[in-house]
Amino acid sequence: MDDGSENGCFKVAVPAKNEKEARKYVSGNGEVIAVKDITEDYPISAEKVGEALERAGFGKTEMDLIVRCLQMNNIAH
């Protein structure tokens, strides 16, 4: 994205099902220069997320909700 400032371009990773949703997610924050699917570059383990949440003191229900949301949106596997 180019935010129009003297700092110029920067990268941002956003959760989106397609390019249209990615552009909508960042709308109003500058000009979108390019969109690239990086899903395969950054695999997220649902098991490791669960373990991290448990270490952080989350309860079972909260952990289940967070991990399931990530799985339902194909963010964690």
N, C-alpha and C. Protein backbone atom coordinates (compact mmCIF):
# COMPACT_ATOMS: atom_id res chain seq x y z
N MET A 1 0.84 -1.18 0.00
CA MET A 1 0.00 0.00 0.00
C MET A 1 0.88 1.23 0.00
N ASP A 2 0.38 2.26 -0.59
CA ASP A 2 1.03 3.57 -0.54
C ASP A 2 0.10 4.49 0.21
N ASP A 3 0.56 4.96 1.37
CA ASP A 3 -0.30 5.81 2.20
C ASP A 3 -0.18 7.29 1.87
N GLY A 4 0.61 7.61 0.86
CA GLY A 4 0.72 9.00 0.42
C GLY A 4 1.67 9.84 1.26
N SER A 5 2.23 9.26 2.31
CA SER A 5 3.15 10.03 3.15
C SER A 5 4.56 9.92 2.61
N GLU A 6 5.49 10.61 3.26
CA GLU A 6 6.88 10.54 2.83
C GLU A 6 7.48 9.16 3.07
N ASN A 7 6.84 8.36 3.92
CA ASN A 7 7.30 6.99 4.16
C ASN A 7 6.96 6.07 2.99
N GLY A 8 6.00 6.47 2.17
CA GLY A 8 5.68 5.73 0.95
C GLY A 8 4.95 4.43 1.17
N CYS A 9 5.47 3.37 0.58
CA CYS A 9 4.79 2.07 0.55
C CYS A 9 5.10 1.22 1.78
N PHE A 10 4.15 0.38 2.12
CA PHE A 10 4.34 -0.60 3.18
C PHE A 10 3.49 -1.82 2.88
N LYS A 11 3.89 -2.95 3.45
CA LYS A 11 3.15 -4.20 3.28
C LYS A 11 2.25 -4.43 4.48
N VAL A 12 1.12 -5.06 4.23
CA VAL A 12 0.21 -5.43 5.30
C VAL A 12 -0.42 -6.78 4.93
N ALA A 13 -0.53 -7.65 5.90
CA ALA A 13 -1.20 -8.94 5.69
C ALA A 13 -2.59 -8.85 6.31
N VAL A 14 -3.59 -9.20 5.53
CA VAL A 14 -4.97 -9.14 6.01
C VAL A 14 -5.67 -10.47 5.73
N PRO A 15 -6.56 -10.88 6.62
CA PRO A 15 -7.33 -12.09 6.37
C PRO A 15 -8.47 -11.78 5.40
N ALA A 16 -8.48 -12.44 4.27
CA ALA A 16 -9.54 -12.21 3.29
C ALA A 16 -9.70 -13.44 2.41
N LYS A 17 -10.93 -13.69 1.98
CA LYS A 17 -11.21 -14.85 1.14
C LYS A 17 -10.82 -14.63 -0.32
N ASN A 18 -10.73 -13.37 -0.72
CA ASN A 18 -10.38 -13.08 -2.11
C ASN A 18 -9.83 -11.66 -2.20
N GLU A 19 -9.38 -11.29 -3.40
CA GLU A 19 -8.78 -9.97 -3.59
C GLU A 19 -9.76 -8.84 -3.31
N LYS A 20 -11.01 -9.00 -3.71
CA LYS A 20 -12.02 -7.96 -3.47
C LYS A 20 -12.17 -7.68 -1.97
N GLU A 21 -12.23 -8.74 -1.17
CA GLU A 21 -12.36 -8.57 0.28
C GLU A 21 -11.10 -7.96 0.89
N ALA A 22 -9.94 -8.33 0.36
CA ALA A 22 -8.68 -7.76 0.86
C ALA A 22 -8.66 -6.25 0.60
N ARG A 23 -9.05 -5.86 -0.60
CA ARG A 23 -9.09 -4.43 -0.93
C ARG A 23 -10.10 -3.68 -0.05
N LYS A 24 -11.24 -4.30 0.19
CA LYS A 24 -12.26 -3.68 1.05
C LYS A 24 -11.74 -3.51 2.48
N TYR A 25 -11.00 -4.51 2.97
CA TYR A 25 -10.47 -4.50 4.33
C TYR A 25 -9.55 -3.30 4.57
N VAL A 26 -8.75 -2.94 3.56
CA VAL A 26 -7.78 -1.85 3.73
C VAL A 26 -8.27 -0.53 3.13
N SER A 27 -9.49 -0.52 2.64
CA SER A 27 -10.05 0.67 2.02
C SER A 27 -9.94 1.89 2.94
N GLY A 28 -9.49 3.01 2.36
CA GLY A 28 -9.37 4.24 3.13
C GLY A 28 -8.02 4.44 3.78
N ASN A 29 -7.13 3.48 3.62
CA ASN A 29 -5.81 3.57 4.25
C ASN A 29 -4.70 3.86 3.24
N GLY A 30 -5.07 4.20 2.03
CA GLY A 30 -4.07 4.48 1.01
C GLY A 30 -4.39 3.73 -0.27
N GLU A 31 -3.49 3.80 -1.22
CA GLU A 31 -3.68 3.15 -2.51
C GLU A 31 -3.11 1.74 -2.47
N VAL A 32 -3.90 0.77 -2.90
CA VAL A 32 -3.43 -0.61 -2.97
C VAL A 32 -2.59 -0.74 -4.23
N ILE A 33 -1.33 -1.13 -4.04
CA ILE A 33 -0.41 -1.29 -5.16
C ILE A 33 -0.49 -2.70 -5.73
N ALA A 34 -0.56 -3.71 -4.87
CA ALA A 34 -0.63 -5.09 -5.32
C ALA A 34 -1.26 -5.95 -4.24
N VAL A 35 -1.87 -7.05 -4.68
CA VAL A 35 -2.46 -8.02 -3.77
C VAL A 35 -1.85 -9.37 -4.12
N LYS A 36 -1.37 -10.08 -3.09
CA LYS A 36 -0.74 -11.38 -3.30
C LYS A 36 -1.26 -12.35 -2.25
N ASP A 37 -1.65 -13.53 -2.68
CA ASP A 37 -2.08 -14.57 -1.75
C ASP A 37 -0.84 -15.19 -1.10
N ILE A 38 -0.72 -15.04 0.21
CA ILE A 38 0.46 -15.56 0.93
C ILE A 38 0.08 -16.70 1.86
N THR A 39 -1.09 -17.27 1.66
CA THR A 39 -1.59 -18.34 2.53
C THR A 39 -0.57 -19.47 2.69
N GLU A 40 -0.01 -19.92 1.58
CA GLU A 40 0.93 -21.04 1.62
C GLU A 40 2.27 -20.64 2.23
N ASP A 41 2.60 -19.35 2.19
CA ASP A 41 3.88 -18.88 2.73
C ASP A 41 3.91 -18.82 4.25
N TYR A 42 2.73 -18.74 4.87
CA TYR A 42 2.64 -18.58 6.33
C TYR A 42 1.61 -19.56 6.90
N PRO A 43 1.93 -20.85 6.89
CA PRO A 43 0.97 -21.81 7.46
C PRO A 43 0.83 -21.61 8.97
N ILE A 44 -0.40 -21.66 9.44
CA ILE A 44 -0.67 -21.48 10.87
C ILE A 44 -1.27 -22.77 11.41
N SER A 45 -0.65 -23.32 12.42
CA SER A 45 -1.09 -24.56 13.03
C SER A 45 -2.15 -24.27 14.09
N ALA A 46 -3.33 -24.87 13.92
CA ALA A 46 -4.40 -24.71 14.91
C ALA A 46 -3.95 -25.25 16.26
N GLU A 47 -3.18 -26.33 16.24
CA GLU A 47 -2.69 -26.93 17.48
C GLU A 47 -1.76 -25.97 18.22
N LYS A 48 -0.85 -25.33 17.48
CA LYS A 48 0.08 -24.40 18.12
C LYS A 48 -0.64 -23.15 18.63
N VAL A 49 -1.65 -22.70 17.90
CA VAL A 49 -2.44 -21.55 18.37
C VAL A 49 -3.13 -21.92 19.68
N GLY A 50 -3.71 -23.12 19.72
CA GLY A 50 -4.36 -23.58 20.95
C GLY A 50 -3.41 -23.64 22.12
N GLU A 51 -2.20 -24.15 21.86
CA GLU A 51 -1.20 -24.24 22.93
C GLU A 51 -0.80 -22.85 23.41
N ALA A 52 -0.63 -21.91 22.50
CA ALA A 52 -0.26 -20.54 22.88
C ALA A 52 -1.37 -19.88 23.69
N LEU A 53 -2.61 -20.11 23.30
CA LEU A 53 -3.74 -19.54 24.03
C LEU A 53 -3.82 -20.13 25.44
N GLU A 54 -3.57 -21.43 25.54
CA GLU A 54 -3.59 -22.08 26.85
C GLU A 54 -2.50 -21.50 27.75
N ARG A 55 -1.29 -21.33 27.21
CA ARG A 55 -0.20 -20.74 28.00
C ARG A 55 -0.52 -19.31 28.42
N ALA A 56 -1.33 -18.61 27.62
CA ALA A 56 -1.69 -17.23 27.93
C ALA A 56 -2.85 -17.16 28.94
N GLY A 57 -3.38 -18.30 29.33
CA GLY A 57 -4.41 -18.31 30.36
C GLY A 57 -5.84 -18.29 29.85
N PHE A 58 -6.04 -18.52 28.57
CA PHE A 58 -7.41 -18.57 28.05
C PHE A 58 -8.09 -19.84 28.53
N GLY A 59 -9.40 -19.77 28.72
CA GLY A 59 -10.17 -20.94 29.11
C GLY A 59 -10.49 -21.80 27.90
N LYS A 60 -10.96 -23.02 28.14
CA LYS A 60 -11.22 -23.97 27.07
C LYS A 60 -12.24 -23.44 26.06
N THR A 61 -13.30 -22.84 26.54
CA THR A 61 -14.33 -22.34 25.63
C THR A 61 -13.78 -21.24 24.73
N GLU A 62 -13.04 -20.30 25.31
CA GLU A 62 -12.44 -19.22 24.52
C GLU A 62 -11.45 -19.78 23.50
N MET A 63 -10.65 -20.74 23.94
CA MET A 63 -9.68 -21.36 23.04
C MET A 63 -10.38 -22.05 21.88
N ASP A 64 -11.42 -22.80 22.18
CA ASP A 64 -12.18 -23.50 21.13
C ASP A 64 -12.77 -22.50 20.13
N LEU A 65 -13.35 -21.42 20.63
CA LEU A 65 -13.95 -20.43 19.74
C LEU A 65 -12.92 -19.79 18.81
N ILE A 66 -11.80 -19.40 19.36
CA ILE A 66 -10.75 -18.74 18.56
C ILE A 66 -10.19 -19.70 17.53
N VAL A 67 -9.83 -20.90 17.94
CA VAL A 67 -9.24 -21.87 17.01
C VAL A 67 -10.25 -22.26 15.93
N ARG A 68 -11.49 -22.47 16.30
CA ARG A 68 -12.52 -22.84 15.31
C ARG A 68 -12.77 -21.71 14.32
N CYS A 69 -12.75 -20.48 14.78
CA CYS A 69 -12.92 -19.35 13.85
C CYS A 69 -11.78 -19.33 12.83
N LEU A 70 -10.56 -19.55 13.30
CA LEU A 70 -9.41 -19.59 12.40
C LEU A 70 -9.54 -20.75 11.40
N GLN A 71 -10.01 -21.90 11.87
CA GLN A 71 -10.17 -23.05 10.99
C GLN A 71 -11.31 -22.84 9.99
N MET A 72 -12.42 -22.30 10.45
CA MET A 72 -13.59 -22.08 9.58
C MET A 72 -13.27 -21.08 8.45
N ASN A 73 -12.31 -20.20 8.69
CA ASN A 73 -11.95 -19.19 7.68
C ASN A 73 -10.66 -19.57 6.95
N ASN A 74 -10.28 -20.84 7.08
CA ASN A 74 -9.09 -21.37 6.39
C ASN A 74 -7.81 -20.58 6.69
N ILE A 75 -7.70 -20.10 7.92
CA ILE A 75 -6.51 -19.38 8.34
C ILE A 75 -5.56 -20.34 9.06
N ALA A 76 -6.11 -21.22 9.88
CA ALA A 76 -5.31 -22.21 10.60
C ALA A 76 -5.79 -23.60 10.21
N HIS A 77 -4.85 -24.54 10.21
CA HIS A 77 -5.18 -25.92 9.82
C HIS A 77 -4.65 -26.89 10.85
